[in-house]
Amino acid sequence: MSVPQQYIHINQQEQIEEQQTEQFQRTQRARREYKYFNWSQKDECWNKAGFMIGRNPERWRLDALGNPVCKALRGCLGSLCYEYDYIIPVNQGGKDVVENCQILQTLASKEKQNKQTVQFSDLKAVVPKQKFNEWELDTIEKAIYGNIYKADVFQQVEHR
């Protein structure tokens, strides 16, 4: 005795719908468990990053590897772009706290992502080797912000 074709089709459709529902539920759980820094924490993380002497600290900082980054260039892939990075990744027990946040050039951040251990030299190796002189940084700042703001050098120098 054979099963009518319409019943087979209905059963397959039910299985597909059940799989889609399971996938949707997994996605929703993952979204609830996703960790991120809030805007206040991101501001504090930016403010604790190293200064670029002579540059406006609201626009320019040095990432954890010493690379210059521009605040307006978050998330892109260029040499002046950056991410808010977990020092200790969430999947290794890292928390969403400012003390666990650092500014890191985007390509270095992507290299570090979801790895158990990463060497400093491995991160430095993926960062673009491009160096910018003052005139080039001025040109970039003018293009992004429409003006150039030079910070007082003496405010940026840390006395020990």
N, C-alpha and C. Protein backbone atom coordinates (compact mmCIF):
# COMPACT_ATOMS: atom_id res chain seq x y z
N MET A 1 0.85 -1.17 0.00
CA MET A 1 0.00 0.00 0.00
C MET A 1 0.89 1.24 0.00
N SER A 2 0.67 2.14 -0.89
CA SER A 2 1.49 3.34 -0.97
C SER A 2 0.76 4.52 -0.35
N VAL A 3 1.56 5.45 0.19
CA VAL A 3 1.02 6.66 0.81
C VAL A 3 0.77 7.67 -0.30
N PRO A 4 -0.39 8.31 -0.27
CA PRO A 4 -0.68 9.32 -1.31
C PRO A 4 0.38 10.43 -1.30
N GLN A 5 0.72 10.92 -2.47
CA GLN A 5 1.76 11.92 -2.66
C GLN A 5 1.49 13.19 -1.84
N GLN A 6 0.23 13.59 -1.73
CA GLN A 6 -0.09 14.82 -0.99
C GLN A 6 0.30 14.72 0.48
N TYR A 7 0.19 13.53 1.09
CA TYR A 7 0.56 13.36 2.49
C TYR A 7 2.08 13.43 2.67
N ILE A 8 2.83 12.91 1.73
CA ILE A 8 4.29 12.99 1.79
C ILE A 8 4.72 14.45 1.71
N HIS A 9 4.11 15.18 0.79
CA HIS A 9 4.44 16.59 0.62
C HIS A 9 4.13 17.38 1.89
N ILE A 10 2.99 17.13 2.53
CA ILE A 10 2.60 17.83 3.76
C ILE A 10 3.59 17.49 4.87
N ASN A 11 4.01 16.24 5.00
CA ASN A 11 4.95 15.82 6.02
C ASN A 11 6.31 16.50 5.82
N GLN A 12 6.77 16.59 4.58
CA GLN A 12 8.03 17.27 4.29
C GLN A 12 7.94 18.75 4.63
N GLN A 13 6.82 19.35 4.31
CA GLN A 13 6.61 20.77 4.61
C GLN A 13 6.64 21.00 6.12
N GLU A 14 6.01 20.11 6.88
CA GLU A 14 6.02 20.24 8.35
C GLU A 14 7.45 20.13 8.89
N GLN A 15 8.24 19.23 8.33
CA GLN A 15 9.64 19.08 8.76
C GLN A 15 10.44 20.34 8.45
N ILE A 16 10.23 20.91 7.30
CA ILE A 16 10.93 22.15 6.92
C ILE A 16 10.54 23.27 7.86
N GLU A 17 9.25 23.41 8.14
CA GLU A 17 8.79 24.46 9.05
C GLU A 17 9.36 24.26 10.46
N GLU A 18 9.45 23.03 10.90
CA GLU A 18 10.01 22.72 12.21
C GLU A 18 11.49 23.09 12.26
N GLN A 19 12.23 22.79 11.21
CA GLN A 19 13.65 23.15 11.14
C GLN A 19 13.82 24.67 11.14
N GLN A 20 12.97 25.36 10.41
CA GLN A 20 13.05 26.82 10.36
C GLN A 20 12.74 27.43 11.72
N THR A 21 11.78 26.86 12.43
CA THR A 21 11.43 27.34 13.77
C THR A 21 12.60 27.13 14.72
N GLU A 22 13.24 25.97 14.66
CA GLU A 22 14.40 25.69 15.52
C GLU A 22 15.53 26.68 15.22
N GLN A 23 15.78 26.92 13.94
CA GLN A 23 16.84 27.86 13.55
C GLN A 23 16.52 29.26 14.07
N PHE A 24 15.28 29.68 13.94
CA PHE A 24 14.86 31.00 14.42
C PHE A 24 15.06 31.10 15.94
N GLN A 25 14.69 30.06 16.67
CA GLN A 25 14.85 30.08 18.13
C GLN A 25 16.32 30.12 18.52
N ARG A 26 17.19 29.39 17.81
CA ARG A 26 18.62 29.44 18.09
C ARG A 26 19.17 30.85 17.83
N THR A 27 18.72 31.47 16.76
CA THR A 27 19.16 32.82 16.43
C THR A 27 18.73 33.80 17.51
N GLN A 28 17.50 33.68 17.97
CA GLN A 28 17.00 34.58 19.02
C GLN A 28 17.78 34.40 20.32
N ARG A 29 18.10 33.15 20.68
CA ARG A 29 18.91 32.90 21.87
C ARG A 29 20.29 33.52 21.73
N ALA A 30 20.89 33.36 20.55
CA ALA A 30 22.22 33.93 20.31
C ALA A 30 22.18 35.44 20.41
N ARG A 31 21.13 36.07 19.91
CA ARG A 31 21.03 37.53 20.00
C ARG A 31 20.92 37.98 21.45
N ARG A 32 20.17 37.24 22.26
CA ARG A 32 20.04 37.60 23.68
C ARG A 32 21.36 37.44 24.41
N GLU A 33 22.17 36.45 23.99
CA GLU A 33 23.44 36.18 24.65
C GLU A 33 24.58 37.03 24.09
N TYR A 34 24.36 37.73 22.97
CA TYR A 34 25.40 38.54 22.35
C TYR A 34 25.83 39.64 23.30
N LYS A 35 27.12 39.82 23.41
CA LYS A 35 27.68 40.82 24.31
C LYS A 35 28.19 42.00 23.50
N TYR A 36 28.11 43.17 24.08
CA TYR A 36 28.65 44.35 23.43
C TYR A 36 28.86 45.44 24.46
N PHE A 37 29.69 46.41 24.10
CA PHE A 37 29.92 47.56 24.95
C PHE A 37 28.86 48.61 24.63
N ASN A 38 28.31 49.25 25.66
CA ASN A 38 27.35 50.32 25.41
C ASN A 38 28.09 51.60 25.05
N TRP A 39 27.36 52.65 24.66
CA TRP A 39 28.01 53.89 24.18
C TRP A 39 28.86 54.54 25.26
N SER A 40 28.39 54.52 26.48
CA SER A 40 29.16 55.11 27.58
C SER A 40 30.49 54.38 27.76
N GLN A 41 30.45 53.05 27.70
CA GLN A 41 31.68 52.26 27.82
C GLN A 41 32.61 52.52 26.64
N LYS A 42 32.05 52.68 25.45
CA LYS A 42 32.87 52.96 24.27
C LYS A 42 33.56 54.32 24.42
N ASP A 43 32.85 55.31 24.95
CA ASP A 43 33.47 56.62 25.19
C ASP A 43 34.62 56.50 26.17
N GLU A 44 34.41 55.77 27.26
CA GLU A 44 35.46 55.58 28.26
C GLU A 44 36.64 54.80 27.66
N CYS A 45 36.34 53.82 26.83
CA CYS A 45 37.39 53.03 26.19
C CYS A 45 38.22 53.92 25.26
N TRP A 46 37.56 54.76 24.49
CA TRP A 46 38.27 55.69 23.61
C TRP A 46 39.14 56.63 24.44
N ASN A 47 38.59 57.13 25.54
CA ASN A 47 39.32 58.09 26.37
C ASN A 47 40.53 57.48 27.08
N LYS A 48 40.54 56.18 27.28
CA LYS A 48 41.70 55.57 27.94
C LYS A 48 42.78 55.12 26.95
N ALA A 49 42.51 55.23 25.65
CA ALA A 49 43.50 54.88 24.63
C ALA A 49 44.60 55.93 24.60
N GLY A 50 45.76 55.56 24.08
CA GLY A 50 46.92 56.46 24.04
C GLY A 50 46.70 57.69 23.18
N PHE A 51 47.37 58.77 23.55
CA PHE A 51 47.29 60.03 22.80
C PHE A 51 48.24 60.03 21.62
N MET A 52 47.85 60.77 20.60
CA MET A 52 48.76 61.12 19.51
C MET A 52 49.18 62.56 19.78
N ILE A 53 50.42 62.78 20.07
CA ILE A 53 50.90 64.11 20.43
C ILE A 53 50.62 65.10 19.29
N GLY A 54 50.02 66.22 19.67
CA GLY A 54 49.71 67.27 18.71
C GLY A 54 48.39 67.09 17.98
N ARG A 55 47.69 65.99 18.22
CA ARG A 55 46.41 65.71 17.56
C ARG A 55 45.27 65.82 18.57
N ASN A 56 44.11 66.19 18.07
CA ASN A 56 42.92 66.29 18.91
C ASN A 56 42.55 64.91 19.43
N PRO A 57 42.55 64.70 20.76
CA PRO A 57 42.25 63.37 21.30
C PRO A 57 40.79 62.95 21.11
N GLU A 58 39.93 63.90 20.75
CA GLU A 58 38.55 63.52 20.44
C GLU A 58 38.45 62.92 19.04
N ARG A 59 39.49 63.13 18.24
CA ARG A 59 39.49 62.64 16.86
C ARG A 59 40.52 61.55 16.60
N TRP A 60 41.63 61.59 17.32
CA TRP A 60 42.76 60.70 17.06
C TRP A 60 43.24 60.03 18.35
N ARG A 61 43.57 58.76 18.26
CA ARG A 61 44.17 58.02 19.37
C ARG A 61 45.14 56.98 18.82
N LEU A 62 45.87 56.37 19.73
CA LEU A 62 46.72 55.23 19.40
C LEU A 62 46.04 53.97 19.93
N ASP A 63 45.96 52.95 19.11
CA ASP A 63 45.34 51.70 19.57
C ASP A 63 46.28 50.96 20.51
N ALA A 64 45.88 49.80 20.97
CA ALA A 64 46.66 49.03 21.93
C ALA A 64 48.02 48.58 21.37
N LEU A 65 48.17 48.59 20.06
CA LEU A 65 49.43 48.21 19.42
C LEU A 65 50.27 49.42 19.04
N GLY A 66 49.76 50.63 19.32
CA GLY A 66 50.48 51.85 18.99
C GLY A 66 50.17 52.40 17.61
N ASN A 67 49.15 51.87 16.96
CA ASN A 67 48.76 52.34 15.62
C ASN A 67 47.84 53.55 15.74
N PRO A 68 48.01 54.56 14.90
CA PRO A 68 47.09 55.70 14.92
C PRO A 68 45.72 55.29 14.38
N VAL A 69 44.65 55.77 15.02
CA VAL A 69 43.29 55.51 14.55
C VAL A 69 42.49 56.80 14.65
N CYS A 70 41.50 56.91 13.78
CA CYS A 70 40.64 58.09 13.71
C CYS A 70 39.24 57.71 14.18
N LYS A 71 38.68 58.48 15.10
CA LYS A 71 37.39 58.14 15.70
C LYS A 71 36.28 57.99 14.67
N ALA A 72 36.32 58.78 13.60
CA ALA A 72 35.27 58.72 12.59
C ALA A 72 35.35 57.45 11.73
N LEU A 73 36.42 56.68 11.86
CA LEU A 73 36.64 55.53 10.99
C LEU A 73 36.47 54.19 11.72
N ARG A 74 35.43 54.08 12.52
CA ARG A 74 35.19 52.82 13.23
C ARG A 74 34.55 51.80 12.29
N GLY A 75 35.11 50.60 12.28
CA GLY A 75 34.51 49.49 11.58
C GLY A 75 34.91 49.30 10.13
N CYS A 76 35.66 50.21 9.55
CA CYS A 76 36.10 50.02 8.17
C CYS A 76 37.42 49.23 8.18
N LEU A 77 37.99 48.98 7.02
CA LEU A 77 39.18 48.13 6.95
C LEU A 77 40.48 48.87 6.67
N GLY A 78 40.46 50.19 6.61
CA GLY A 78 41.67 50.95 6.31
C GLY A 78 42.66 50.96 7.47
N SER A 79 43.83 51.51 7.22
CA SER A 79 44.88 51.49 8.23
C SER A 79 44.60 52.42 9.40
N LEU A 80 43.68 53.36 9.28
CA LEU A 80 43.33 54.25 10.39
C LEU A 80 42.01 53.86 11.05
N CYS A 81 41.46 52.71 10.67
CA CYS A 81 40.18 52.24 11.19
C CYS A 81 40.39 51.39 12.45
N TYR A 82 39.35 51.30 13.27
CA TYR A 82 39.49 50.57 14.54
C TYR A 82 38.19 49.90 14.93
N GLU A 83 38.27 49.07 15.95
CA GLU A 83 37.13 48.41 16.60
C GLU A 83 37.29 48.54 18.10
N TYR A 84 36.17 48.45 18.81
CA TYR A 84 36.22 48.31 20.27
C TYR A 84 36.41 46.82 20.50
N ASP A 85 37.52 46.45 21.09
CA ASP A 85 37.93 45.06 21.19
C ASP A 85 37.93 44.59 22.64
N TYR A 86 37.50 43.34 22.85
CA TYR A 86 37.58 42.72 24.17
C TYR A 86 39.02 42.26 24.40
N ILE A 87 39.63 42.71 25.48
CA ILE A 87 40.97 42.26 25.83
C ILE A 87 40.92 40.76 26.09
N ILE A 88 39.99 40.34 26.94
CA ILE A 88 39.70 38.92 27.14
C ILE A 88 38.37 38.66 26.44
N PRO A 89 38.37 37.85 25.38
CA PRO A 89 37.14 37.62 24.62
C PRO A 89 36.01 37.07 25.49
N VAL A 90 34.79 37.40 25.10
CA VAL A 90 33.60 36.94 25.82
C VAL A 90 33.57 35.42 25.89
N ASN A 91 33.94 34.74 24.79
CA ASN A 91 33.90 33.28 24.79
C ASN A 91 34.95 32.65 25.69
N GLN A 92 35.84 33.50 26.27
CA GLN A 92 36.83 33.01 27.23
C GLN A 92 36.57 33.60 28.62
N GLY A 93 35.37 34.11 28.82
CA GLY A 93 34.99 34.63 30.13
C GLY A 93 35.14 36.13 30.29
N GLY A 94 35.49 36.84 29.23
CA GLY A 94 35.62 38.29 29.29
C GLY A 94 34.28 38.96 29.55
N LYS A 95 34.32 40.05 30.25
CA LYS A 95 33.09 40.77 30.64
C LYS A 95 32.93 42.05 29.84
N ASP A 96 31.71 42.55 29.81
CA ASP A 96 31.38 43.83 29.17
C ASP A 96 31.66 44.97 30.13
N VAL A 97 32.92 45.17 30.44
CA VAL A 97 33.31 46.26 31.34
C VAL A 97 34.42 47.06 30.67
N VAL A 98 34.53 48.33 31.01
CA VAL A 98 35.52 49.21 30.39
C VAL A 98 36.93 48.67 30.56
N GLU A 99 37.21 48.05 31.69
CA GLU A 99 38.55 47.51 31.93
C GLU A 99 38.91 46.40 30.95
N ASN A 100 37.91 45.81 30.30
CA ASN A 100 38.14 44.74 29.34
C ASN A 100 38.02 45.25 27.89
N CYS A 101 37.98 46.56 27.72
CA CYS A 101 37.83 47.16 26.40
C CYS A 101 39.12 47.83 25.98
N GLN A 102 39.45 47.70 24.70
CA GLN A 102 40.59 48.42 24.14
C GLN A 102 40.25 48.81 22.70
N ILE A 103 40.90 49.87 22.25
CA ILE A 103 40.81 50.27 20.85
C ILE A 103 41.86 49.45 20.11
N LEU A 104 41.45 48.82 19.01
CA LEU A 104 42.38 48.01 18.24
C LEU A 104 42.11 48.21 16.75
N GLN A 105 43.18 48.41 15.99
CA GLN A 105 43.05 48.58 14.55
C GLN A 105 42.23 47.41 14.01
N THR A 106 41.33 47.68 13.07
CA THR A 106 40.34 46.70 12.62
C THR A 106 40.94 45.38 12.17
N LEU A 107 41.97 45.41 11.35
CA LEU A 107 42.54 44.15 10.86
C LEU A 107 43.16 43.34 11.99
N ALA A 108 43.75 44.00 12.97
CA ALA A 108 44.30 43.30 14.14
C ALA A 108 43.17 42.69 14.95
N SER A 109 42.08 43.43 15.10
CA SER A 109 40.92 42.93 15.85
C SER A 109 40.34 41.70 15.18
N LYS A 110 40.23 41.73 13.87
CA LYS A 110 39.69 40.58 13.15
C LYS A 110 40.63 39.37 13.24
N GLU A 111 41.92 39.61 13.27
CA GLU A 111 42.90 38.53 13.42
C GLU A 111 42.76 37.87 14.81
N LYS A 112 42.47 38.68 15.80
CA LYS A 112 42.38 38.22 17.19
C LYS A 112 41.05 37.50 17.48
N GLN A 113 40.04 37.83 16.71
CA GLN A 113 38.68 37.38 16.98
C GLN A 113 38.57 35.86 17.13
N ASN A 114 37.97 35.45 18.24
CA ASN A 114 37.65 34.04 18.53
C ASN A 114 38.84 33.10 18.56
N LYS A 115 40.03 33.62 18.80
CA LYS A 115 41.19 32.75 18.95
C LYS A 115 41.51 32.60 20.42
N GLN A 116 41.97 31.43 20.80
CA GLN A 116 42.29 31.18 22.20
C GLN A 116 43.51 32.00 22.64
N THR A 117 44.55 31.99 21.81
CA THR A 117 45.74 32.78 22.13
C THR A 117 46.23 33.45 20.85
N VAL A 118 46.68 34.67 20.99
CA VAL A 118 47.23 35.41 19.86
C VAL A 118 48.47 36.13 20.36
N GLN A 119 49.54 36.03 19.59
CA GLN A 119 50.78 36.71 19.95
C GLN A 119 50.73 38.16 19.46
N PHE A 120 51.36 39.04 20.21
CA PHE A 120 51.48 40.44 19.84
C PHE A 120 52.06 40.57 18.43
N SER A 121 53.07 39.77 18.12
CA SER A 121 53.72 39.84 16.80
C SER A 121 52.77 39.43 15.68
N ASP A 122 51.85 38.48 15.97
CA ASP A 122 50.86 38.08 14.96
C ASP A 122 49.93 39.23 14.63
N LEU A 123 49.54 39.99 15.65
CA LEU A 123 48.66 41.13 15.43
C LEU A 123 49.38 42.24 14.68
N LYS A 124 50.62 42.52 15.08
CA LYS A 124 51.40 43.56 14.40
C LYS A 124 51.61 43.21 12.92
N ALA A 125 51.70 41.91 12.61
CA ALA A 125 51.98 41.48 11.25
C ALA A 125 50.82 41.77 10.29
N VAL A 126 49.59 41.79 10.79
CA VAL A 126 48.43 42.00 9.91
C VAL A 126 48.07 43.47 9.73
N VAL A 127 48.62 44.33 10.57
CA VAL A 127 48.32 45.75 10.50
C VAL A 127 49.05 46.37 9.32
N PRO A 128 48.37 47.20 8.53
CA PRO A 128 49.06 47.85 7.41
C PRO A 128 50.30 48.61 7.88
N LYS A 129 51.35 48.54 7.10
CA LYS A 129 52.63 49.15 7.47
C LYS A 129 52.71 50.63 7.08
N GLN A 130 51.63 51.18 6.59
CA GLN A 130 51.61 52.55 6.12
C GLN A 130 51.82 53.54 7.28
N LYS A 131 52.73 54.47 7.08
CA LYS A 131 52.99 55.53 8.05
C LYS A 131 52.55 56.85 7.43
N PHE A 132 52.00 57.72 8.25
CA PHE A 132 51.50 59.01 7.76
C PHE A 132 52.32 60.13 8.36
N ASN A 133 52.65 61.13 7.55
CA ASN A 133 53.31 62.32 8.08
C ASN A 133 52.24 63.33 8.51
N GLU A 134 52.66 64.41 9.11
CA GLU A 134 51.72 65.42 9.63
C GLU A 134 50.82 65.99 8.53
N TRP A 135 51.40 66.28 7.38
CA TRP A 135 50.61 66.85 6.29
C TRP A 135 49.53 65.87 5.84
N GLU A 136 49.86 64.57 5.75
CA GLU A 136 48.87 63.57 5.34
C GLU A 136 47.76 63.42 6.38
N LEU A 137 48.13 63.43 7.66
CA LEU A 137 47.11 63.36 8.71
C LEU A 137 46.22 64.60 8.69
N ASP A 138 46.81 65.77 8.44
CA ASP A 138 46.02 66.99 8.32
C ASP A 138 45.02 66.88 7.17
N THR A 139 45.49 66.35 6.04
CA THR A 139 44.63 66.20 4.86
C THR A 139 43.48 65.25 5.15
N ILE A 140 43.79 64.13 5.81
CA ILE A 140 42.75 63.16 6.17
C ILE A 140 41.74 63.80 7.12
N GLU A 141 42.23 64.50 8.14
CA GLU A 141 41.34 65.15 9.11
C GLU A 141 40.46 66.19 8.43
N LYS A 142 41.02 66.98 7.54
CA LYS A 142 40.25 67.99 6.82
C LYS A 142 39.17 67.33 5.96
N ALA A 143 39.50 66.22 5.31
CA ALA A 143 38.54 65.51 4.47
C ALA A 143 37.40 64.91 5.30
N ILE A 144 37.71 64.42 6.48
CA ILE A 144 36.69 63.77 7.31
C ILE A 144 35.85 64.79 8.08
N TYR A 145 36.51 65.73 8.73
CA TYR A 145 35.81 66.64 9.64
C TYR A 145 35.55 68.03 9.06
N GLY A 146 36.20 68.36 7.95
CA GLY A 146 36.01 69.67 7.35
C GLY A 146 36.91 70.74 7.92
N ASN A 147 37.70 70.40 8.92
CA ASN A 147 38.68 71.32 9.50
C ASN A 147 39.80 70.53 10.14
N ILE A 148 40.79 71.24 10.61
CA ILE A 148 41.93 70.61 11.28
C ILE A 148 42.03 71.24 12.66
N TYR A 149 42.03 70.40 13.67
CA TYR A 149 42.15 70.90 15.03
C TYR A 149 43.39 70.28 15.65
N LYS A 150 44.35 71.13 15.97
CA LYS A 150 45.59 70.67 16.61
C LYS A 150 45.45 70.87 18.11
N ALA A 151 45.72 69.84 18.85
CA ALA A 151 45.67 69.94 20.31
C ALA A 151 46.95 70.56 20.82
N ASP A 152 46.87 71.15 21.97
CA ASP A 152 48.05 71.70 22.63
C ASP A 152 48.95 70.54 23.03
N VAL A 153 50.14 70.51 22.48
CA VAL A 153 51.08 69.40 22.72
C VAL A 153 51.31 69.19 24.21
N PHE A 154 51.38 70.27 24.96
CA PHE A 154 51.70 70.15 26.37
C PHE A 154 50.59 69.48 27.18
N GLN A 155 49.36 69.54 26.71
CA GLN A 155 48.26 68.84 27.38
C GLN A 155 48.36 67.34 27.19
N GLN A 156 48.98 66.91 26.10
CA GLN A 156 49.01 65.49 25.77
C GLN A 156 50.19 64.75 26.39
N VAL A 157 51.20 65.48 26.80
CA VAL A 157 52.40 64.84 27.33
C VAL A 157 52.14 64.38 28.76
N GLU A 158 52.44 63.12 29.03
CA GLU A 158 52.23 62.57 30.35
C GLU A 158 53.54 62.70 31.13
N HIS A 159 53.51 63.40 32.26
CA HIS A 159 54.70 63.57 33.09
C HIS A 159 54.80 62.45 34.08
N ARG A 160 56.01 61.90 34.18
CA ARG A 160 56.20 60.78 35.14
C ARG A 160 57.16 61.18 36.21
